[in-house]
Amino acid sequence: MVKLKLFEWMANEPSAWFGNADTLLKSAALVWPERDRIPHSVWVALMLRGYAVENLLKGLWLQAGNRLSNNGKFQRVPSVADHDLHALYEKLGHRPGNIRRDMLRSLTNAILHLGRYPVPTNYQRFAVHRENEPDPTALWSPEYEADFWVLVRELGASFEFMKELPADFLEQVEVETWRRPAT
């Protein structure tokens, strides 16, 4: 019974999802500097970042009064496919512009395959770049990078417990995750 109660609490507690997002962002920060040295590591870092965004979005979904677990069984967010960050973002009432939409789709692709498999699990999701016609969901641009950090700060600041902290809290504790790093 203790195990079930702990599971239920953690699965449905927004701050648990926030904490996991923080860990994922810090882990991605360790891989990010190696992106020029280790082939494809940029997608591994983006996969971790994508999982972090997913954790933040699910935490905010919970904060809105929803549940992700009932009687020890994990539930998906209704009408949202696995790891579909764009759909999850919209489910929370946001309407992304083109850059944010494509950035979220790129992170979704990093989660689904680019960060862990050589190909997606279905050929229809396979991104193909053509001359002068890149697939915006299988690239990472300076615009995506800038918007990613704006998004992370916006989502992080939306958590109720973050609003209760002093305005300069993040500066005081040197939490680099929530500030855009130097490029």
N, C-alpha and C. Protein backbone atom coordinates (compact mmCIF):
# COMPACT_ATOMS: atom_id res chain seq x y z
N MET A 1 0.82 -1.19 0.00
CA MET A 1 0.00 0.00 0.00
C MET A 1 0.87 1.27 0.00
N VAL A 2 1.99 1.24 0.72
CA VAL A 2 2.89 2.39 0.76
C VAL A 2 3.47 2.64 -0.64
N LYS A 3 3.82 1.58 -1.32
CA LYS A 3 4.38 1.69 -2.67
C LYS A 3 3.38 2.35 -3.62
N LEU A 4 2.14 1.93 -3.55
CA LEU A 4 1.10 2.50 -4.41
C LEU A 4 0.89 3.98 -4.09
N LYS A 5 0.82 4.33 -2.83
CA LYS A 5 0.62 5.73 -2.44
C LYS A 5 1.79 6.60 -2.90
N LEU A 6 3.00 6.11 -2.73
CA LEU A 6 4.17 6.86 -3.17
C LEU A 6 4.17 7.03 -4.69
N PHE A 7 3.84 5.95 -5.40
CA PHE A 7 3.77 6.01 -6.86
C PHE A 7 2.74 7.06 -7.29
N GLU A 8 1.55 6.99 -6.69
CA GLU A 8 0.48 7.93 -7.03
C GLU A 8 0.90 9.37 -6.77
N TRP A 9 1.52 9.58 -5.63
CA TRP A 9 1.94 10.94 -5.30
C TRP A 9 2.97 11.43 -6.32
N MET A 10 4.00 10.64 -6.57
CA MET A 10 5.05 11.07 -7.50
C MET A 10 4.52 11.26 -8.92
N ALA A 11 3.67 10.36 -9.37
CA ALA A 11 3.14 10.44 -10.73
C ALA A 11 2.25 11.65 -10.92
N ASN A 12 1.63 12.12 -9.85
CA ASN A 12 0.66 13.21 -9.95
C ASN A 12 1.11 14.51 -9.29
N GLU A 13 2.37 14.57 -8.88
CA GLU A 13 2.91 15.76 -8.21
C GLU A 13 3.71 16.62 -9.20
N PRO A 14 3.21 17.82 -9.51
CA PRO A 14 3.90 18.67 -10.48
C PRO A 14 5.38 18.90 -10.16
N SER A 15 5.71 19.09 -8.89
CA SER A 15 7.11 19.40 -8.56
C SER A 15 8.03 18.21 -8.84
N ALA A 16 7.51 16.99 -8.80
CA ALA A 16 8.32 15.81 -9.14
C ALA A 16 8.71 15.86 -10.62
N TRP A 17 7.79 16.29 -11.46
CA TRP A 17 8.05 16.39 -12.90
C TRP A 17 9.01 17.55 -13.17
N PHE A 18 8.87 18.64 -12.43
CA PHE A 18 9.79 19.77 -12.55
C PHE A 18 11.20 19.33 -12.18
N GLY A 19 11.33 18.60 -11.07
CA GLY A 19 12.64 18.14 -10.62
C GLY A 19 13.30 17.22 -11.63
N ASN A 20 12.51 16.36 -12.24
CA ASN A 20 13.06 15.46 -13.26
C ASN A 20 13.50 16.25 -14.49
N ALA A 21 12.72 17.27 -14.85
CA ALA A 21 13.10 18.13 -15.98
C ALA A 21 14.43 18.81 -15.71
N ASP A 22 14.60 19.27 -14.49
CA ASP A 22 15.85 19.93 -14.10
C ASP A 22 17.04 18.98 -14.28
N THR A 23 16.88 17.74 -13.83
CA THR A 23 17.95 16.74 -13.97
C THR A 23 18.25 16.45 -15.44
N LEU A 24 17.21 16.34 -16.25
CA LEU A 24 17.40 16.08 -17.68
C LEU A 24 18.12 17.25 -18.36
N LEU A 25 17.76 18.47 -18.00
CA LEU A 25 18.43 19.64 -18.59
C LEU A 25 19.90 19.69 -18.19
N LYS A 26 20.17 19.38 -16.95
CA LYS A 26 21.57 19.37 -16.50
C LYS A 26 22.36 18.26 -17.20
N SER A 27 21.72 17.12 -17.42
CA SER A 27 22.38 16.02 -18.14
C SER A 27 22.65 16.41 -19.59
N ALA A 28 21.67 17.05 -20.22
CA ALA A 28 21.85 17.51 -21.60
C ALA A 28 23.00 18.51 -21.69
N ALA A 29 23.13 19.33 -20.66
CA ALA A 29 24.21 20.33 -20.64
C ALA A 29 25.59 19.69 -20.62
N LEU A 30 25.69 18.48 -20.09
CA LEU A 30 26.97 17.76 -20.09
C LEU A 30 27.32 17.23 -21.48
N VAL A 31 26.30 16.85 -22.25
CA VAL A 31 26.51 16.29 -23.59
C VAL A 31 26.69 17.41 -24.62
N TRP A 32 25.97 18.51 -24.46
CA TRP A 32 25.94 19.59 -25.45
C TRP A 32 27.32 20.06 -25.91
N PRO A 33 28.28 20.29 -25.03
CA PRO A 33 29.60 20.77 -25.49
C PRO A 33 30.34 19.78 -26.38
N GLU A 34 29.93 18.53 -26.36
CA GLU A 34 30.61 17.50 -27.17
C GLU A 34 30.02 17.34 -28.56
N ARG A 35 29.03 18.15 -28.90
CA ARG A 35 28.30 17.94 -30.15
C ARG A 35 29.16 18.05 -31.40
N ASP A 36 30.23 18.81 -31.36
CA ASP A 36 31.11 18.91 -32.53
C ASP A 36 32.15 17.80 -32.56
N ARG A 37 32.40 17.20 -31.43
CA ARG A 37 33.44 16.17 -31.32
C ARG A 37 32.88 14.75 -31.49
N ILE A 38 31.70 14.50 -30.98
CA ILE A 38 31.11 13.16 -31.03
C ILE A 38 29.94 13.16 -32.02
N PRO A 39 30.04 12.37 -33.09
CA PRO A 39 28.97 12.36 -34.10
C PRO A 39 27.60 12.06 -33.49
N HIS A 40 26.61 12.80 -33.93
CA HIS A 40 25.20 12.62 -33.55
C HIS A 40 24.90 12.95 -32.08
N SER A 41 25.89 13.37 -31.32
CA SER A 41 25.62 13.65 -29.91
C SER A 41 24.69 14.85 -29.74
N VAL A 42 24.62 15.71 -30.75
CA VAL A 42 23.68 16.83 -30.67
C VAL A 42 22.26 16.28 -30.49
N TRP A 43 21.95 15.17 -31.17
CA TRP A 43 20.59 14.60 -31.07
C TRP A 43 20.37 13.92 -29.73
N VAL A 44 21.43 13.40 -29.13
CA VAL A 44 21.30 12.83 -27.78
C VAL A 44 21.00 13.95 -26.78
N ALA A 45 21.72 15.07 -26.91
CA ALA A 45 21.46 16.21 -26.03
C ALA A 45 20.04 16.74 -26.25
N LEU A 46 19.62 16.81 -27.51
CA LEU A 46 18.27 17.29 -27.81
C LEU A 46 17.20 16.32 -27.33
N MET A 47 17.50 15.03 -27.36
CA MET A 47 16.57 14.04 -26.81
C MET A 47 16.36 14.30 -25.31
N LEU A 48 17.45 14.53 -24.60
CA LEU A 48 17.34 14.82 -23.17
C LEU A 48 16.59 16.12 -22.94
N ARG A 49 16.87 17.12 -23.75
CA ARG A 49 16.14 18.38 -23.65
C ARG A 49 14.65 18.18 -23.94
N GLY A 50 14.37 17.37 -24.95
CA GLY A 50 12.97 17.08 -25.29
C GLY A 50 12.24 16.40 -24.14
N TYR A 51 12.90 15.42 -23.53
CA TYR A 51 12.29 14.78 -22.36
C TYR A 51 12.09 15.79 -21.23
N ALA A 52 13.01 16.74 -21.09
CA ALA A 52 12.85 17.77 -20.05
C ALA A 52 11.61 18.62 -20.33
N VAL A 53 11.43 19.03 -21.58
CA VAL A 53 10.25 19.82 -21.94
C VAL A 53 8.99 18.99 -21.70
N GLU A 54 9.03 17.73 -22.06
CA GLU A 54 7.88 16.86 -21.83
C GLU A 54 7.55 16.78 -20.33
N ASN A 55 8.56 16.67 -19.49
CA ASN A 55 8.34 16.64 -18.04
C ASN A 55 7.74 17.95 -17.55
N LEU A 56 8.24 19.07 -18.05
CA LEU A 56 7.68 20.37 -17.66
C LEU A 56 6.21 20.48 -18.09
N LEU A 57 5.93 20.09 -19.32
CA LEU A 57 4.55 20.17 -19.82
C LEU A 57 3.62 19.25 -19.02
N LYS A 58 4.07 18.04 -18.72
CA LYS A 58 3.23 17.12 -17.95
C LYS A 58 3.05 17.63 -16.51
N GLY A 59 4.09 18.25 -15.96
CA GLY A 59 3.95 18.84 -14.63
C GLY A 59 2.90 19.94 -14.63
N LEU A 60 2.87 20.74 -15.68
CA LEU A 60 1.87 21.81 -15.77
C LEU A 60 0.48 21.23 -16.04
N TRP A 61 0.42 20.13 -16.75
CA TRP A 61 -0.85 19.42 -16.97
C TRP A 61 -1.42 18.97 -15.62
N LEU A 62 -0.56 18.46 -14.78
CA LEU A 62 -0.98 18.04 -13.44
C LEU A 62 -1.38 19.24 -12.59
N GLN A 63 -0.61 20.30 -12.68
CA GLN A 63 -0.90 21.51 -11.90
C GLN A 63 -2.29 22.05 -12.25
N ALA A 64 -2.74 21.82 -13.47
CA ALA A 64 -4.06 22.28 -13.91
C ALA A 64 -5.19 21.41 -13.36
N GLY A 65 -4.83 20.40 -12.55
CA GLY A 65 -5.85 19.57 -11.92
C GLY A 65 -6.07 18.22 -12.56
N ASN A 66 -5.24 17.86 -13.50
CA ASN A 66 -5.35 16.57 -14.17
C ASN A 66 -4.52 15.52 -13.45
N ARG A 67 -4.64 14.28 -13.88
CA ARG A 67 -3.88 13.19 -13.27
C ARG A 67 -3.18 12.39 -14.36
N LEU A 68 -2.03 11.85 -14.00
CA LEU A 68 -1.30 10.96 -14.92
C LEU A 68 -1.27 9.53 -14.40
N SER A 69 -1.77 9.32 -13.21
CA SER A 69 -1.84 7.97 -12.67
C SER A 69 -3.13 7.82 -11.86
N ASN A 70 -3.72 6.65 -12.00
CA ASN A 70 -4.90 6.32 -11.24
C ASN A 70 -4.80 4.86 -10.82
N ASN A 71 -4.80 4.64 -9.51
CA ASN A 71 -4.68 3.28 -8.96
C ASN A 71 -3.42 2.56 -9.46
N GLY A 72 -2.32 3.28 -9.54
CA GLY A 72 -1.05 2.68 -9.90
C GLY A 72 -0.84 2.44 -11.39
N LYS A 73 -1.73 2.94 -12.21
CA LYS A 73 -1.60 2.78 -13.66
C LYS A 73 -1.38 4.15 -14.30
N PHE A 74 -0.28 4.25 -15.02
CA PHE A 74 0.05 5.49 -15.69
C PHE A 74 -0.92 5.71 -16.84
N GLN A 75 -1.39 6.95 -16.99
CA GLN A 75 -2.33 7.31 -18.04
C GLN A 75 -1.70 8.34 -18.96
N ARG A 76 -1.99 8.25 -20.21
CA ARG A 76 -1.52 9.26 -21.16
C ARG A 76 -2.40 10.50 -21.06
N VAL A 77 -1.87 11.61 -21.51
CA VAL A 77 -2.67 12.81 -21.65
C VAL A 77 -3.62 12.55 -22.82
N PRO A 78 -4.93 12.69 -22.60
CA PRO A 78 -5.91 12.38 -23.67
C PRO A 78 -5.62 13.13 -24.96
N SER A 79 -5.75 12.43 -26.06
CA SER A 79 -5.60 12.99 -27.42
C SER A 79 -4.19 13.47 -27.73
N VAL A 80 -3.20 12.98 -26.99
CA VAL A 80 -1.81 13.35 -27.26
C VAL A 80 -1.01 12.07 -27.45
N ALA A 81 -0.38 11.92 -28.61
CA ALA A 81 0.45 10.75 -28.88
C ALA A 81 1.70 10.78 -28.00
N ASP A 82 2.33 9.62 -27.85
CA ASP A 82 3.54 9.52 -27.04
C ASP A 82 4.57 10.56 -27.48
N HIS A 83 5.05 11.34 -26.54
CA HIS A 83 6.15 12.30 -26.72
C HIS A 83 5.86 13.40 -27.74
N ASP A 84 4.60 13.62 -28.10
CA ASP A 84 4.26 14.67 -29.07
C ASP A 84 4.22 16.01 -28.34
N LEU A 85 5.36 16.68 -28.31
CA LEU A 85 5.50 17.91 -27.54
C LEU A 85 4.62 19.04 -28.09
N HIS A 86 4.49 19.12 -29.40
CA HIS A 86 3.65 20.15 -30.00
C HIS A 86 2.20 19.95 -29.56
N ALA A 87 1.68 18.73 -29.64
CA ALA A 87 0.30 18.45 -29.24
C ALA A 87 0.10 18.68 -27.74
N LEU A 88 1.08 18.29 -26.94
CA LEU A 88 0.99 18.49 -25.49
C LEU A 88 1.00 19.99 -25.16
N TYR A 89 1.84 20.74 -25.83
CA TYR A 89 1.91 22.19 -25.64
C TYR A 89 0.56 22.82 -25.98
N GLU A 90 -0.02 22.41 -27.10
CA GLU A 90 -1.34 22.93 -27.48
C GLU A 90 -2.43 22.48 -26.51
N LYS A 91 -2.32 21.25 -25.99
CA LYS A 91 -3.30 20.74 -25.03
C LYS A 91 -3.37 21.63 -23.79
N LEU A 92 -2.25 22.27 -23.46
CA LEU A 92 -2.20 23.18 -22.31
C LEU A 92 -2.71 24.59 -22.66
N GLY A 93 -3.22 24.74 -23.90
CA GLY A 93 -3.82 26.01 -24.29
C GLY A 93 -2.90 26.98 -25.00
N HIS A 94 -1.69 26.57 -25.32
CA HIS A 94 -0.74 27.44 -26.02
C HIS A 94 -0.91 27.30 -27.52
N ARG A 95 -0.68 28.39 -28.23
CA ARG A 95 -0.70 28.39 -29.69
C ARG A 95 0.68 28.83 -30.17
N PRO A 96 1.53 27.88 -30.53
CA PRO A 96 2.90 28.24 -30.91
C PRO A 96 2.98 28.88 -32.28
N GLY A 97 3.96 29.79 -32.41
CA GLY A 97 4.28 30.31 -33.73
C GLY A 97 5.05 29.26 -34.51
N ASN A 98 5.43 29.57 -35.73
CA ASN A 98 6.10 28.59 -36.59
C ASN A 98 7.42 28.09 -36.02
N ILE A 99 8.25 29.00 -35.48
CA ILE A 99 9.55 28.59 -34.93
C ILE A 99 9.33 27.63 -33.77
N ARG A 100 8.47 27.99 -32.83
CA ARG A 100 8.23 27.13 -31.67
C ARG A 100 7.62 25.80 -32.09
N ARG A 101 6.67 25.84 -33.02
CA ARG A 101 6.06 24.59 -33.49
C ARG A 101 7.12 23.65 -34.07
N ASP A 102 7.96 24.18 -34.95
CA ASP A 102 8.98 23.35 -35.58
C ASP A 102 10.03 22.91 -34.57
N MET A 103 10.37 23.77 -33.62
CA MET A 103 11.33 23.41 -32.57
C MET A 103 10.78 22.26 -31.73
N LEU A 104 9.49 22.34 -31.35
CA LEU A 104 8.88 21.26 -30.56
C LEU A 104 8.83 19.96 -31.36
N ARG A 105 8.57 20.07 -32.65
CA ARG A 105 8.54 18.86 -33.50
C ARG A 105 9.95 18.27 -33.66
N SER A 106 10.95 19.12 -33.72
CA SER A 106 12.33 18.64 -33.79
C SER A 106 12.70 17.90 -32.51
N LEU A 107 12.31 18.46 -31.36
CA LEU A 107 12.57 17.77 -30.08
C LEU A 107 11.81 16.44 -30.00
N THR A 108 10.59 16.43 -30.51
CA THR A 108 9.82 15.17 -30.55
C THR A 108 10.56 14.13 -31.37
N ASN A 109 11.08 14.53 -32.53
CA ASN A 109 11.84 13.59 -33.36
C ASN A 109 13.13 13.14 -32.68
N ALA A 110 13.74 14.03 -31.90
CA ALA A 110 14.93 13.64 -31.15
C ALA A 110 14.57 12.57 -30.12
N ILE A 111 13.42 12.71 -29.47
CA ILE A 111 12.96 11.72 -28.50
C ILE A 111 12.62 10.40 -29.19
N LEU A 112 11.83 10.49 -30.26
CA LEU A 112 11.31 9.28 -30.90
C LEU A 112 12.38 8.47 -31.63
N HIS A 113 13.37 9.16 -32.20
CA HIS A 113 14.37 8.36 -32.92
C HIS A 113 15.72 9.02 -33.11
N LEU A 114 15.80 10.29 -33.43
CA LEU A 114 17.09 10.89 -33.78
C LEU A 114 18.13 10.79 -32.66
N GLY A 115 17.67 10.80 -31.41
CA GLY A 115 18.59 10.71 -30.29
C GLY A 115 18.90 9.30 -29.84
N ARG A 116 18.20 8.31 -30.40
CA ARG A 116 18.42 6.94 -29.90
C ARG A 116 18.45 5.84 -30.95
N TYR A 117 17.84 6.06 -32.12
CA TYR A 117 17.82 5.05 -33.17
C TYR A 117 18.36 5.64 -34.47
N PRO A 118 18.87 4.80 -35.39
CA PRO A 118 19.31 5.34 -36.67
C PRO A 118 18.14 5.74 -37.57
N VAL A 119 16.98 5.14 -37.35
CA VAL A 119 15.77 5.45 -38.13
C VAL A 119 14.57 5.44 -37.20
N PRO A 120 13.48 6.09 -37.61
CA PRO A 120 12.26 6.03 -36.80
C PRO A 120 11.65 4.64 -36.88
N THR A 121 10.67 4.37 -36.06
CA THR A 121 10.02 3.05 -36.06
C THR A 121 9.05 2.90 -37.23
N ASN A 122 8.85 3.97 -37.99
CA ASN A 122 7.97 3.93 -39.15
C ASN A 122 8.59 4.81 -40.24
N TYR A 123 8.70 4.29 -41.44
CA TYR A 123 9.37 5.02 -42.51
C TYR A 123 8.70 6.37 -42.81
N GLN A 124 7.41 6.51 -42.53
CA GLN A 124 6.71 7.75 -42.82
C GLN A 124 7.20 8.91 -41.95
N ARG A 125 7.82 8.59 -40.82
CA ARG A 125 8.37 9.63 -39.94
C ARG A 125 9.83 9.96 -40.31
N PHE A 126 10.38 9.25 -41.28
CA PHE A 126 11.76 9.44 -41.67
C PHE A 126 11.92 10.79 -42.35
N ALA A 127 12.75 11.65 -41.79
CA ALA A 127 12.97 12.99 -42.33
C ALA A 127 13.97 12.93 -43.48
N VAL A 128 13.63 13.58 -44.55
CA VAL A 128 14.50 13.62 -45.71
C VAL A 128 14.72 15.08 -46.09
N HIS A 129 16.00 15.47 -46.13
CA HIS A 129 16.35 16.81 -46.57
C HIS A 129 16.60 16.77 -48.07
N ARG A 130 16.01 17.70 -48.78
CA ARG A 130 16.26 17.84 -50.21
C ARG A 130 16.97 19.17 -50.44
N GLU A 131 17.62 19.29 -51.57
CA GLU A 131 18.32 20.53 -51.87
C GLU A 131 17.37 21.71 -51.77
N ASN A 132 17.77 22.71 -51.00
CA ASN A 132 16.97 23.91 -50.75
C ASN A 132 15.62 23.62 -50.12
N GLU A 133 15.46 22.43 -49.54
CA GLU A 133 14.19 22.06 -48.92
C GLU A 133 14.44 21.20 -47.68
N PRO A 134 15.02 21.78 -46.64
CA PRO A 134 15.28 20.98 -45.44
C PRO A 134 13.98 20.67 -44.69
N ASP A 135 13.97 19.57 -44.01
CA ASP A 135 12.85 19.21 -43.15
C ASP A 135 13.06 19.91 -41.81
N PRO A 136 12.22 20.88 -41.46
CA PRO A 136 12.45 21.66 -40.24
C PRO A 136 12.31 20.85 -38.95
N THR A 137 11.78 19.64 -39.05
CA THR A 137 11.62 18.81 -37.86
C THR A 137 12.82 17.89 -37.63
N ALA A 138 13.83 18.00 -38.49
CA ALA A 138 15.02 17.17 -38.32
C ALA A 138 16.27 18.03 -38.44
N LEU A 139 16.19 19.20 -37.85
CA LEU A 139 17.36 20.06 -37.78
C LEU A 139 17.26 20.87 -36.50
N TRP A 140 18.34 21.53 -36.16
CA TRP A 140 18.36 22.41 -34.99
C TRP A 140 19.03 23.71 -35.42
N SER A 141 18.31 24.79 -35.31
CA SER A 141 18.80 26.08 -35.81
C SER A 141 19.07 27.04 -34.66
N PRO A 142 19.80 28.12 -34.93
CA PRO A 142 19.99 29.14 -33.88
C PRO A 142 18.66 29.69 -33.37
N GLU A 143 17.66 29.79 -34.25
CA GLU A 143 16.33 30.26 -33.82
C GLU A 143 15.69 29.27 -32.85
N TYR A 144 15.83 27.97 -33.13
CA TYR A 144 15.29 26.95 -32.22
C TYR A 144 16.01 27.02 -30.87
N GLU A 145 17.33 27.18 -30.94
CA GLU A 145 18.12 27.21 -29.70
C GLU A 145 17.68 28.38 -28.82
N ALA A 146 17.52 29.55 -29.41
CA ALA A 146 17.10 30.72 -28.64
C ALA A 146 15.70 30.51 -28.07
N ASP A 147 14.79 30.01 -28.91
CA ASP A 147 13.41 29.82 -28.45
C ASP A 147 13.30 28.71 -27.42
N PHE A 148 14.17 27.72 -27.51
CA PHE A 148 14.15 26.64 -26.53
C PHE A 148 14.33 27.20 -25.12
N TRP A 149 15.33 28.08 -24.95
CA TRP A 149 15.60 28.63 -23.62
C TRP A 149 14.49 29.57 -23.15
N VAL A 150 13.87 30.28 -24.08
CA VAL A 150 12.70 31.10 -23.72
C VAL A 150 11.59 30.18 -23.21
N LEU A 151 11.34 29.11 -23.95
CA LEU A 151 10.29 28.15 -23.58
C LEU A 151 10.56 27.54 -22.21
N VAL A 152 11.77 27.09 -21.97
CA VAL A 152 12.11 26.46 -20.69
C VAL A 152 11.88 27.43 -19.54
N ARG A 153 12.31 28.67 -19.71
CA ARG A 153 12.09 29.66 -18.64
C ARG A 153 10.60 29.94 -18.44
N GLU A 154 9.85 30.06 -19.54
CA GLU A 154 8.41 30.30 -19.43
C GLU A 154 7.71 29.16 -18.71
N LEU A 155 8.02 27.94 -19.11
CA LEU A 155 7.38 26.78 -18.48
C LEU A 155 7.78 26.67 -17.02
N GLY A 156 9.07 26.80 -16.75
CA GLY A 156 9.54 26.71 -15.37
C GLY A 156 8.90 27.74 -14.47
N ALA A 157 8.76 28.97 -14.97
CA ALA A 157 8.16 30.05 -14.18
C ALA A 157 6.66 29.86 -13.98
N SER A 158 6.04 28.97 -14.75
CA SER A 158 4.60 28.73 -14.63
C SER A 158 4.23 27.81 -13.47
N PHE A 159 5.21 27.15 -12.89
CA PHE A 159 4.92 26.28 -11.75
C PHE A 159 4.59 27.13 -10.53
N GLU A 160 3.52 26.78 -9.85
CA GLU A 160 3.06 27.56 -8.70
C GLU A 160 4.16 27.72 -7.64
N PHE A 161 4.88 26.64 -7.35
CA PHE A 161 5.89 26.73 -6.29
C PHE A 161 7.02 27.68 -6.69
N MET A 162 7.26 27.84 -7.99
CA MET A 162 8.30 28.78 -8.44
C MET A 162 7.86 30.22 -8.18
N LYS A 163 6.57 30.47 -8.26
CA LYS A 163 6.04 31.81 -8.04
C LYS A 163 6.16 32.22 -6.57
N GLU A 164 6.27 31.25 -5.69
CA GLU A 164 6.37 31.52 -4.26
C GLU A 164 7.81 31.83 -3.82
N LEU A 165 8.77 31.60 -4.69
CA LEU A 165 10.17 31.85 -4.36
C LEU A 165 10.50 33.33 -4.55
N PRO A 166 11.53 33.83 -3.85
CA PRO A 166 11.93 35.22 -4.07
C PRO A 166 12.31 35.45 -5.53
N ALA A 167 12.06 36.64 -6.02
CA ALA A 167 12.30 36.97 -7.43
C ALA A 167 13.72 36.66 -7.87
N ASP A 168 14.69 36.83 -6.98
CA ASP A 168 16.09 36.60 -7.35
C ASP A 168 16.59 35.22 -6.90
N PHE A 169 15.68 34.31 -6.62
CA PHE A 169 16.06 32.98 -6.12
C PHE A 169 17.06 32.27 -7.04
N LEU A 170 16.75 32.24 -8.32
CA LEU A 170 17.62 31.51 -9.24
C LEU A 170 19.01 32.12 -9.31
N GLU A 171 19.10 33.41 -9.20
CA GLU A 171 20.41 34.06 -9.20
C GLU A 171 21.18 33.70 -7.93
N GLN A 172 20.48 33.63 -6.81
CA GLN A 172 21.13 33.35 -5.53
C GLN A 172 21.72 31.94 -5.46
N VAL A 173 21.02 30.97 -6.02
CA VAL A 173 21.48 29.58 -5.90
C VAL A 173 22.27 29.10 -7.11
N GLU A 174 22.51 30.00 -8.05
CA GLU A 174 23.30 29.68 -9.24
C GLU A 174 22.74 28.48 -10.01
N VAL A 175 21.46 28.49 -10.25
CA VAL A 175 20.83 27.45 -11.04
C VAL A 175 20.93 27.85 -12.51
N GLU A 176 21.97 27.37 -13.14
CA GLU A 176 22.25 27.74 -14.53
C GLU A 176 21.21 27.19 -15.50
N THR A 177 20.54 26.11 -15.15
CA THR A 177 19.59 25.48 -16.05
C THR A 177 18.55 26.47 -16.55
N TRP A 178 18.13 27.38 -15.72
CA TRP A 178 17.02 28.24 -16.06
C TRP A 178 17.47 29.56 -16.68
N ARG A 179 18.73 29.66 -17.00
CA ARG A 179 19.24 30.82 -17.74
C ARG A 179 19.87 30.30 -19.02
N ARG A 180 19.74 31.07 -20.07
CA ARG A 180 20.32 30.66 -21.34
C ARG A 180 21.82 30.69 -21.27
N PRO A 181 22.48 29.57 -21.59
CA PRO A 181 23.95 29.55 -21.52
C PRO A 181 24.56 30.31 -22.71
N ALA A 182 25.80 30.68 -22.54
CA ALA A 182 26.54 31.33 -23.62
C ALA A 182 26.75 30.31 -24.72
N THR A 183 26.67 30.74 -25.96
CA THR A 183 26.83 29.81 -27.09
C THR A 183 28.27 29.67 -27.49
